[in-house]
Amino acid sequence: WILTASILAVVLLLLLIIRFRFQPFVALLVAAI
């Protein structure tokens, strides 16, 4: 689950930056949370 969650967090990070145009600072915080 730790490995799966880390992969999903990176996928979420990329979606926020690429698809939804989040500022990387905000996207990193959201993915971390």
Full PDB file with SEQRES, HELIX, SHEET, SSBOND, CRYST1, ORIGX, SCALE, CONECT and MASTER records, all heavy atoms in Angstrom:
SEQRES   1 A   33  TRP ILE LEU THR ALA SER ILE LEU ALA VAL VAL LEU LEU          
SEQRES   2 A   33  LEU LEU LEU ILE ILE ARG PHE ARG PHE GLN PRO PHE VAL          
SEQRES   3 A   33  ALA LEU LEU VAL ALA ALA ILE                                  
HELIX    1 AA1 ILE A    2  LEU A   14  1                                  13    
HELIX    2 AA2 LEU A   15  ARG A   19  3                                   5    
HELIX    3 AA3 PRO A   24  ALA A   32  1                                   9    
CRYST1    1.000    1.000    1.000  90.00  90.00  90.00 P 1           1          
ORIGX1      1.000000  0.000000  0.000000        0.00000                         
ORIGX2      0.000000  1.000000  0.000000        0.00000                         
ORIGX3      0.000000  0.000000  1.000000        0.00000                         
SCALE1      1.000000  0.000000  0.000000        0.00000                         
SCALE2      0.000000  1.000000  0.000000        0.00000                         
SCALE3      0.000000  0.000000  1.000000        0.00000                         
ATOM      1  N   TRP A   1       0.835  -1.213   0.000  1.00  0.00           N  
ATOM      2  CA  TRP A   1       0.000   0.000   0.000  1.00  0.00           C  
ATOM      3  C   TRP A   1       0.869   1.262   0.000  1.00  0.00           C  
ATOM      4  O   TRP A   1       0.535   2.250  -0.667  1.00  0.00           O  
ATOM      5  CB  TRP A   1      -0.933   0.011   1.201  1.00  0.00           C  
ATOM      6  CG  TRP A   1      -1.683   1.308   1.323  1.00  0.00           C  
ATOM      7  CD1 TRP A   1      -1.658   2.191   2.349  1.00  0.00           C  
ATOM      8  CD2 TRP A   1      -2.540   1.907   0.332  1.00  0.00           C  
ATOM      9  NE1 TRP A   1      -2.429   3.291   2.084  1.00  0.00           N  
ATOM     10  CE2 TRP A   1      -2.990   3.139   0.845  1.00  0.00           C  
ATOM     11  CE3 TRP A   1      -2.962   1.515  -0.931  1.00  0.00           C  
ATOM     12  CZ2 TRP A   1      -3.853   3.976   0.155  1.00  0.00           C  
ATOM     13  CZ3 TRP A   1      -3.821   2.355  -1.645  1.00  0.00           C  
ATOM     14  CH2 TRP A   1      -4.259   3.572  -1.100  1.00  0.00           C  
ATOM     15  N   ILE A   2       1.975   1.253   0.743  1.00  0.00           N  
ATOM     16  CA  ILE A   2       2.873   2.420   0.744  1.00  0.00           C  
ATOM     17  C   ILE A   2       3.386   2.691  -0.666  1.00  0.00           C  
ATOM     18  O   ILE A   2       3.398   3.841  -1.132  1.00  0.00           O  
ATOM     19  CB  ILE A   2       4.048   2.190   1.720  1.00  0.00           C  
ATOM     20  CG1 ILE A   2       3.551   2.231   3.164  1.00  0.00           C  
ATOM     21  CG2 ILE A   2       5.137   3.244   1.505  1.00  0.00           C  
ATOM     22  CD1 ILE A   2       4.613   1.873   4.179  1.00  0.00           C  
ATOM     23  N   LEU A   3       3.798   1.627  -1.357  1.00  0.00           N  
ATOM     24  CA  LEU A   3       4.299   1.784  -2.717  1.00  0.00           C  
ATOM     25  C   LEU A   3       3.196   2.269  -3.649  1.00  0.00           C  
ATOM     26  O   LEU A   3       3.406   3.178  -4.464  1.00  0.00           O  
ATOM     27  CB  LEU A   3       4.872   0.455  -3.224  1.00  0.00           C  
ATOM     28  CG  LEU A   3       5.548   0.476  -4.595  1.00  0.00           C  
ATOM     29  CD1 LEU A   3       6.704   1.473  -4.614  1.00  0.00           C  
ATOM     30  CD2 LEU A   3       6.051  -0.909  -4.974  1.00  0.00           C  
ATOM     31  N   THR A   4       2.001   1.696  -3.516  1.00  0.00           N  
ATOM     32  CA  THR A   4       0.869   2.111  -4.356  1.00  0.00           C  
ATOM     33  C   THR A   4       0.497   3.567  -4.097  1.00  0.00           C  
ATOM     34  O   THR A   4       0.260   4.348  -5.024  1.00  0.00           O  
ATOM     35  CB  THR A   4      -0.350   1.214  -4.083  1.00  0.00           C  
ATOM     36  OG1 THR A   4      -0.001  -0.145  -4.351  1.00  0.00           O  
ATOM     37  CG2 THR A   4      -1.533   1.621  -4.960  1.00  0.00           C  
ATOM     38  N   ALA A   5       0.455   3.942  -2.809  1.00  0.00           N  
ATOM     39  CA  ALA A   5       0.094   5.320  -2.463  1.00  0.00           C  
ATOM     40  C   ALA A   5       1.105   6.318  -2.994  1.00  0.00           C  
ATOM     41  O   ALA A   5       0.743   7.418  -3.442  1.00  0.00           O  
ATOM     42  CB  ALA A   5      -0.024   5.448  -0.943  1.00  0.00           C  
ATOM     43  N   SER A   6       2.385   5.948  -2.968  1.00  0.00           N  
ATOM     44  CA  SER A   6       3.411   6.855  -3.490  1.00  0.00           C  
ATOM     45  C   SER A   6       3.257   7.044  -5.003  1.00  0.00           C  
ATOM     46  O   SER A   6       3.404   8.162  -5.513  1.00  0.00           O  
ATOM     47  CB  SER A   6       4.805   6.341  -3.149  1.00  0.00           C  
ATOM     48  OG  SER A   6       5.075   5.121  -3.812  1.00  0.00           O  
ATOM     49  N   ILE A   7       2.949   5.956  -5.709  1.00  0.00           N  
ATOM     50  CA  ILE A   7       2.743   6.062  -7.159  1.00  0.00           C  
ATOM     51  C   ILE A   7       1.526   6.929  -7.463  1.00  0.00           C  
ATOM     52  O   ILE A   7       1.556   7.802  -8.342  1.00  0.00           O  
ATOM     53  CB  ILE A   7       2.583   4.658  -7.780  1.00  0.00           C  
ATOM     54  CG1 ILE A   7       3.895   3.879  -7.660  1.00  0.00           C  
ATOM     55  CG2 ILE A   7       2.159   4.756  -9.247  1.00  0.00           C  
ATOM     56  CD1 ILE A   7       3.775   2.428  -8.063  1.00  0.00           C  
ATOM     57  N   LEU A   8       0.424   6.693  -6.708  1.00  0.00           N  
ATOM     58  CA  LEU A   8      -0.783   7.497  -6.915  1.00  0.00           C  
ATOM     59  C   LEU A   8      -0.535   8.968  -6.595  1.00  0.00           C  
ATOM     60  O   LEU A   8      -1.087   9.858  -7.265  1.00  0.00           O  
ATOM     61  CB  LEU A   8      -1.919   6.954  -6.044  1.00  0.00           C  
ATOM     62  CG  LEU A   8      -2.462   5.573  -6.433  1.00  0.00           C  
ATOM     63  CD1 LEU A   8      -3.493   5.098  -5.412  1.00  0.00           C  
ATOM     64  CD2 LEU A   8      -3.079   5.620  -7.829  1.00  0.00           C  
ATOM     65  N   ALA A   9       0.302   9.237  -5.593  1.00  0.00           N  
ATOM     66  CA  ALA A   9       0.607  10.627  -5.244  1.00  0.00           C  
ATOM     67  C   ALA A   9       1.363  11.318  -6.371  1.00  0.00           C  
ATOM     68  O   ALA A   9       1.107  12.494  -6.681  1.00  0.00           O  
ATOM     69  CB  ALA A   9       1.416  10.672  -3.952  1.00  0.00           C  
ATOM     70  N   VAL A  10       2.302  10.607  -6.998  1.00  0.00           N  
ATOM     71  CA  VAL A  10       3.045  11.182  -8.124  1.00  0.00           C  
ATOM     72  C   VAL A  10       2.108  11.399  -9.319  1.00  0.00           C  
ATOM     73  O   VAL A  10       2.181  12.435 -10.000  1.00  0.00           O  
ATOM     74  CB  VAL A  10       4.225  10.276  -8.516  1.00  0.00           C  
ATOM     75  CG1 VAL A  10       4.896  10.787  -9.784  1.00  0.00           C  
ATOM     76  CG2 VAL A  10       5.238  10.203  -7.383  1.00  0.00           C  
ATOM     77  N   VAL A  11       1.213  10.442  -9.560  1.00  0.00           N  
ATOM     78  CA  VAL A  11       0.236  10.597 -10.646  1.00  0.00           C  
ATOM     79  C   VAL A  11      -0.648  11.818 -10.377  1.00  0.00           C  
ATOM     80  O   VAL A  11      -0.926  12.620 -11.283  1.00  0.00           O  
ATOM     81  CB  VAL A  11      -0.618   9.323 -10.796  1.00  0.00           C  
ATOM     82  CG1 VAL A  11      -1.769   9.568 -11.773  1.00  0.00           C  
ATOM     83  CG2 VAL A  11       0.234   8.163 -11.272  1.00  0.00           C  
ATOM     84  N   LEU A  12      -1.097  11.963  -9.134  1.00  0.00           N  
ATOM     85  CA  LEU A  12      -1.902  13.135  -8.762  1.00  0.00           C  
ATOM     86  C   LEU A  12      -1.124  14.420  -8.989  1.00  0.00           C  
ATOM     87  O   LEU A  12      -1.662  15.408  -9.523  1.00  0.00           O  
ATOM     88  CB  LEU A  12      -2.323  13.021  -7.296  1.00  0.00           C  
ATOM     89  CG  LEU A  12      -3.044  14.243  -6.693  1.00  0.00           C  
ATOM     90  CD1 LEU A  12      -4.352  14.508  -7.431  1.00  0.00           C  
ATOM     91  CD2 LEU A  12      -3.290  14.049  -5.200  1.00  0.00           C  
ATOM     92  N   LEU A  13       0.142  14.422  -8.601  1.00  0.00           N  
ATOM     93  CA  LEU A  13       0.992  15.606  -8.796  1.00  0.00           C  
ATOM     94  C   LEU A  13       1.060  15.997 -10.265  1.00  0.00           C  
ATOM     95  O   LEU A  13       0.895  17.175 -10.620  1.00  0.00           O  
ATOM     96  CB  LEU A  13       2.385  15.315  -8.250  1.00  0.00           C  
ATOM     97  CG  LEU A  13       3.470  16.369  -8.490  1.00  0.00           C  
ATOM     98  CD1 LEU A  13       3.135  17.649  -7.742  1.00  0.00           C  
ATOM     99  CD2 LEU A  13       4.832  15.840  -8.058  1.00  0.00           C  
ATOM    100  N   LEU A  14       1.293  15.017 -11.135  1.00  0.00           N  
ATOM    101  CA  LEU A  14       1.392  15.298 -12.565  1.00  0.00           C  
ATOM    102  C   LEU A  14       0.060  15.775 -13.132  1.00  0.00           C  
ATOM    103  O   LEU A  14       0.020  16.689 -13.974  1.00  0.00           O  
ATOM    104  CB  LEU A  14       1.876  14.049 -13.303  1.00  0.00           C  
ATOM    105  CG  LEU A  14       3.309  13.613 -12.991  1.00  0.00           C  
ATOM    106  CD1 LEU A  14       3.638  12.313 -13.701  1.00  0.00           C  
ATOM    107  CD2 LEU A  14       4.306  14.691 -13.379  1.00  0.00           C  
ATOM    108  N   LEU A  15      -1.038  15.168 -12.690  1.00  0.00           N  
ATOM    109  CA  LEU A  15      -2.362  15.596 -13.164  1.00  0.00           C  
ATOM    110  C   LEU A  15      -2.636  17.047 -12.767  1.00  0.00           C  
ATOM    111  O   LEU A  15      -3.143  17.840 -13.571  1.00  0.00           O  
ATOM    112  CB  LEU A  15      -3.444  14.691 -12.593  1.00  0.00           C  
ATOM    113  CG  LEU A  15      -3.630  13.326 -13.255  1.00  0.00           C  
ATOM    114  CD1 LEU A  15      -4.648  12.495 -12.479  1.00  0.00           C  
ATOM    115  CD2 LEU A  15      -4.081  13.484 -14.706  1.00  0.00           C  
ATOM    116  N   LEU A  16      -2.307  17.395 -11.535  1.00  0.00           N  
ATOM    117  CA  LEU A  16      -2.554  18.765 -11.071  1.00  0.00           C  
ATOM    118  C   LEU A  16      -1.743  19.779 -11.874  1.00  0.00           C  
ATOM    119  O   LEU A  16      -2.239  20.863 -12.211  1.00  0.00           O  
ATOM    120  CB  LEU A  16      -2.209  18.874  -9.586  1.00  0.00           C  
ATOM    121  CG  LEU A  16      -3.133  18.120  -8.617  1.00  0.00           C  
ATOM    122  CD1 LEU A  16      -2.605  18.230  -7.191  1.00  0.00           C  
ATOM    123  CD2 LEU A  16      -4.558  18.645  -8.700  1.00  0.00           C  
ATOM    124  N   ILE A  17      -0.477  19.430 -12.177  1.00  0.00           N  
ATOM    125  CA  ILE A  17       0.377  20.376 -12.903  1.00  0.00           C  
ATOM    126  C   ILE A  17       0.030  20.426 -14.386  1.00  0.00           C  
ATOM    127  O   ILE A  17      -0.085  21.507 -14.973  1.00  0.00           O  
ATOM    128  CB  ILE A  17       1.859  20.008 -12.712  1.00  0.00           C  
ATOM    129  CG1 ILE A  17       2.275  20.184 -11.248  1.00  0.00           C  
ATOM    130  CG2 ILE A  17       2.759  20.862 -13.613  1.00  0.00           C  
ATOM    131  CD1 ILE A  17       3.684  19.724 -10.945  1.00  0.00           C  
ATOM    132  N   ILE A  18      -0.137  19.245 -15.006  1.00  0.00           N  
ATOM    133  CA  ILE A  18      -0.306  19.185 -16.461  1.00  0.00           C  
ATOM    134  C   ILE A  18      -1.751  19.427 -16.877  1.00  0.00           C  
ATOM    135  O   ILE A  18      -2.025  20.252 -17.744  1.00  0.00           O  
ATOM    136  CB  ILE A  18       0.178  17.814 -16.983  1.00  0.00           C  
ATOM    137  CG1 ILE A  18       1.658  17.610 -16.669  1.00  0.00           C  
ATOM    138  CG2 ILE A  18      -0.052  17.705 -18.498  1.00  0.00           C  
ATOM    139  CD1 ILE A  18       2.143  16.200 -16.923  1.00  0.00           C  
ATOM    140  N   ARG A  19      -2.673  18.704 -16.248  1.00  0.00           N  
ATOM    141  CA  ARG A  19      -4.075  18.755 -16.686  1.00  0.00           C  
ATOM    142  C   ARG A  19      -4.799  19.968 -16.124  1.00  0.00           C  
ATOM    143  O   ARG A  19      -5.534  20.665 -16.833  1.00  0.00           O  
ATOM    144  CB  ARG A  19      -4.790  17.469 -16.264  1.00  0.00           C  
ATOM    145  CG  ARG A  19      -6.285  17.438 -16.606  1.00  0.00           C  
ATOM    146  CD  ARG A  19      -6.491  17.341 -18.128  1.00  0.00           C  
ATOM    147  NE  ARG A  19      -7.897  17.270 -18.470  1.00  0.00           N  
ATOM    148  CZ  ARG A  19      -8.702  18.321 -18.607  1.00  0.00           C  
ATOM    149  NH1 ARG A  19      -8.218  19.546 -18.422  1.00  0.00           N  
ATOM    150  NH2 ARG A  19      -9.972  18.175 -18.936  1.00  0.00           N  
ATOM    151  N   PHE A  20      -4.595  20.240 -14.845  1.00  0.00           N  
ATOM    152  CA  PHE A  20      -5.366  21.306 -14.190  1.00  0.00           C  
ATOM    153  C   PHE A  20      -4.557  22.586 -13.995  1.00  0.00           C  
ATOM    154  O   PHE A  20      -5.064  23.544 -13.399  1.00  0.00           O  
ATOM    155  CB  PHE A  20      -5.906  20.804 -12.848  1.00  0.00           C  
ATOM    156  CG  PHE A  20      -6.833  19.634 -12.973  1.00  0.00           C  
ATOM    157  CD1 PHE A  20      -6.419  18.362 -12.626  1.00  0.00           C  
ATOM    158  CD2 PHE A  20      -8.120  19.797 -13.467  1.00  0.00           C  
ATOM    159  CE1 PHE A  20      -7.271  17.269 -12.747  1.00  0.00           C  
ATOM    160  CE2 PHE A  20      -8.978  18.720 -13.601  1.00  0.00           C  
ATOM    161  CZ  PHE A  20      -8.559  17.443 -13.244  1.00  0.00           C  
ATOM    162  N   ARG A  21      -3.322  22.610 -14.454  1.00  0.00           N  
ATOM    163  CA  ARG A  21      -2.477  23.815 -14.471  1.00  0.00           C  
ATOM    164  C   ARG A  21      -2.258  24.406 -13.083  1.00  0.00           C  
ATOM    165  O   ARG A  21      -2.223  25.635 -12.913  1.00  0.00           O  
ATOM    166  CB  ARG A  21      -3.092  24.884 -15.399  1.00  0.00           C  
ATOM    167  CG  ARG A  21      -3.308  24.422 -16.819  1.00  0.00           C  
ATOM    168  CD  ARG A  21      -2.005  24.167 -17.525  1.00  0.00           C  
ATOM    169  NE  ARG A  21      -2.185  23.747 -18.910  1.00  0.00           N  
ATOM    170  CZ  ARG A  21      -1.198  23.388 -19.707  1.00  0.00           C  
ATOM    171  NH1 ARG A  21       0.040  23.404 -19.256  1.00  0.00           N  
ATOM    172  NH2 ARG A  21      -1.423  23.014 -20.955  1.00  0.00           N  
ATOM    173  N   PHE A  22      -2.146  23.552 -12.070  1.00  0.00           N  
ATOM    174  CA  PHE A  22      -1.829  24.040 -10.733  1.00  0.00           C  
ATOM    175  C   PHE A  22      -0.391  24.562 -10.711  1.00  0.00           C  
ATOM    176  O   PHE A  22       0.472  24.045 -11.401  1.00  0.00           O  
ATOM    177  CB  PHE A  22      -1.950  22.904  -9.713  1.00  0.00           C  
ATOM    178  CG  PHE A  22      -3.329  22.714  -9.143  1.00  0.00           C  
ATOM    179  CD1 PHE A  22      -4.436  22.640  -9.974  1.00  0.00           C  
ATOM    180  CD2 PHE A  22      -3.518  22.604  -7.773  1.00  0.00           C  
ATOM    181  CE1 PHE A  22      -5.700  22.437  -9.457  1.00  0.00           C  
ATOM    182  CE2 PHE A  22      -4.783  22.413  -7.244  1.00  0.00           C  
ATOM    183  CZ  PHE A  22      -5.877  22.335  -8.082  1.00  0.00           C  
ATOM    184  N   GLN A  23      -0.164  25.582  -9.884  1.00  0.00           N  
ATOM    185  CA  GLN A  23       1.213  26.010  -9.631  1.00  0.00           C  
ATOM    186  C   GLN A  23       1.935  24.855  -8.931  1.00  0.00           C  
ATOM    187  O   GLN A  23       1.370  24.232  -8.028  1.00  0.00           O  
ATOM    188  CB  GLN A  23       1.195  27.246  -8.732  1.00  0.00           C  
ATOM    189  CG  GLN A  23       2.271  28.271  -9.039  1.00  0.00           C  
ATOM    190  CD  GLN A  23       3.660  27.810  -8.606  1.00  0.00           C  
ATOM    191  OE1 GLN A  23       3.795  27.064  -7.657  1.00  0.00           O  
ATOM    192  NE2 GLN A  23       4.688  28.291  -9.287  1.00  0.00           N  
ATOM    193  N   PRO A  24       3.167  24.509  -9.334  1.00  0.00           N  
ATOM    194  CA  PRO A  24       3.839  23.344  -8.744  1.00  0.00           C  
ATOM    195  C   PRO A  24       3.933  23.375  -7.223  1.00  0.00           C  
ATOM    196  O   PRO A  24       3.865  22.326  -6.571  1.00  0.00           O  
ATOM    197  CB  PRO A  24       5.234  23.393  -9.388  1.00  0.00           C  
ATOM    198  CG  PRO A  24       5.004  24.035 -10.710  1.00  0.00           C  
ATOM    199  CD  PRO A  24       3.934  25.053 -10.478  1.00  0.00           C  
ATOM    200  N   PHE A  25       4.075  24.559  -6.627  1.00  0.00           N  
ATOM    201  CA  PHE A  25       4.128  24.661  -5.171  1.00  0.00           C  
ATOM    202  C   PHE A  25       2.848  24.120  -4.539  1.00  0.00           C  
ATOM    203  O   PHE A  25       2.872  23.300  -3.606  1.00  0.00           O  
ATOM    204  CB  PHE A  25       4.360  26.127  -4.778  1.00  0.00           C  
ATOM    205  CG  PHE A  25       4.071  26.430  -3.340  1.00  0.00           C  
ATOM    206  CD1 PHE A  25       4.847  25.880  -2.332  1.00  0.00           C  
ATOM    207  CD2 PHE A  25       3.022  27.270  -2.990  1.00  0.00           C  
ATOM    208  CE1 PHE A  25       4.586  26.164  -0.997  1.00  0.00           C  
ATOM    209  CE2 PHE A  25       2.760  27.559  -1.666  1.00  0.00           C  
ATOM    210  CZ  PHE A  25       3.541  27.002  -0.667  1.00  0.00           C  
ATOM    211  N   VAL A  26       1.698  24.559  -5.059  1.00  0.00           N  
ATOM    212  CA  VAL A  26       0.408  24.103  -4.537  1.00  0.00           C  
ATOM    213  C   VAL A  26       0.210  22.619  -4.837  1.00  0.00           C  
ATOM    214  O   VAL A  26      -0.246  21.855  -3.980  1.00  0.00           O  
ATOM    215  CB  VAL A  26      -0.746  24.940  -5.142  1.00  0.00           C  
ATOM    216  CG1 VAL A  26      -2.096  24.431  -4.644  1.00  0.00           C  
ATOM    217  CG2 VAL A  26      -0.568  26.412  -4.810  1.00  0.00           C  
ATOM    218  N   ALA A  27       0.595  22.194  -6.052  1.00  0.00           N  
ATOM    219  CA  ALA A  27       0.419  20.793  -6.433  1.00  0.00           C  
ATOM    220  C   ALA A  27       1.229  19.867  -5.529  1.00  0.00           C  
ATOM    221  O   ALA A  27       0.747  18.800  -5.119  1.00  0.00           O  
ATOM    222  CB  ALA A  27       0.834  20.604  -7.888  1.00  0.00           C  
ATOM    223  N   LEU A  28       2.461  20.259  -5.193  1.00  0.00           N  
ATOM    224  CA  LEU A  28       3.295  19.440  -4.306  1.00  0.00           C  
ATOM    225  C   LEU A  28       2.682  19.327  -2.912  1.00  0.00           C  
ATOM    226  O   LEU A  28       2.690  18.254  -2.295  1.00  0.00           O  
ATOM    227  CB  LEU A  28       4.704  20.019  -4.223  1.00  0.00           C  
ATOM    228  CG  LEU A  28       5.642  19.678  -5.379  1.00  0.00           C  
ATOM    229  CD1 LEU A  28       6.841  20.624  -5.396  1.00  0.00           C  
ATOM    230  CD2 LEU A  28       6.125  18.230  -5.281  1.00  0.00           C  
ATOM    231  N   LEU A  29       2.134  20.427  -2.411  1.00  0.00           N  
ATOM    232  CA  LEU A  29       1.499  20.384  -1.092  1.00  0.00           C  
ATOM    233  C   LEU A  29       0.269  19.485  -1.095  1.00  0.00           C  
ATOM    234  O   LEU A  29       0.055  18.687  -0.171  1.00  0.00           O  
ATOM    235  CB  LEU A  29       1.115  21.796  -0.641  1.00  0.00           C  
ATOM    236  CG  LEU A  29       2.224  22.681  -0.090  1.00  0.00           C  
ATOM    237  CD1 LEU A  29       1.665  24.037   0.335  1.00  0.00           C  
ATOM    238  CD2 LEU A  29       2.918  22.020   1.104  1.00  0.00           C  
ATOM    239  N   VAL A  30      -0.560  19.605  -2.136  1.00  0.00           N  
ATOM    240  CA  VAL A  30      -1.768  18.775  -2.229  1.00  0.00           C  
ATOM    241  C   VAL A  30      -1.386  17.296  -2.308  1.00  0.00           C  
ATOM    242  O   VAL A  30      -1.973  16.443  -1.625  1.00  0.00           O  
ATOM    243  CB  VAL A  30      -2.616  19.185  -3.446  1.00  0.00           C  
ATOM    244  CG1 VAL A  30      -3.760  18.184  -3.673  1.00  0.00           C  
ATOM    245  CG2 VAL A  30      -3.182  20.585  -3.252  1.00  0.00           C  
ATOM    246  N   ALA A  31      -0.395  16.972  -3.141  1.00  0.00           N  
ATOM    247  CA  ALA A  31       0.047  15.574  -3.273  1.00  0.00           C  
ATOM    248  C   ALA A  31       0.616  15.055  -1.958  1.00  0.00           C  
ATOM    249  O   ALA A  31       0.384  13.896  -1.579  1.00  0.00           O  
ATOM    250  CB  ALA A  31       1.088  15.459  -4.386  1.00  0.00           C  
ATOM    251  N   ALA A  32       1.357  15.907  -1.252  1.00  0.00           N  
ATOM    252  CA  ALA A  32       1.922  15.495   0.037  1.00  0.00           C  
ATOM    253  C   ALA A  32       0.818  15.216   1.057  1.00  0.00           C  
ATOM    254  O   ALA A  32       0.865  14.215   1.788  1.00  0.00           O  
ATOM    255  CB  ALA A  32       2.858  16.584   0.562  1.00  0.00           C  
ATOM    256  N   ILE A  33      -0.182  16.089   1.114  1.00  0.00           N  
ATOM    257  CA  ILE A  33      -1.292  15.897   2.049  1.00  0.00           C  
ATOM    258  C   ILE A  33      -2.067  14.628   1.707  1.00  0.00           C  
ATOM    259  O   ILE A  33      -2.414  13.828   2.600  1.00  0.00           O  
ATOM    260  CB  ILE A  33      -2.225  17.128   2.042  1.00  0.00           C  
ATOM    261  CG1 ILE A  33      -1.495  18.330   2.640  1.00  0.00           C  
ATOM    262  CG2 ILE A  33      -3.521  16.839   2.801  1.00  0.00           C  
ATOM    263  CD1 ILE A  33      -2.227  19.646   2.463  1.00  0.00           C  
TER     264      ILE A  33                                                      
MASTER        0    0    0    3    0    0    0    6  263    1    0    3          
END                                                                             
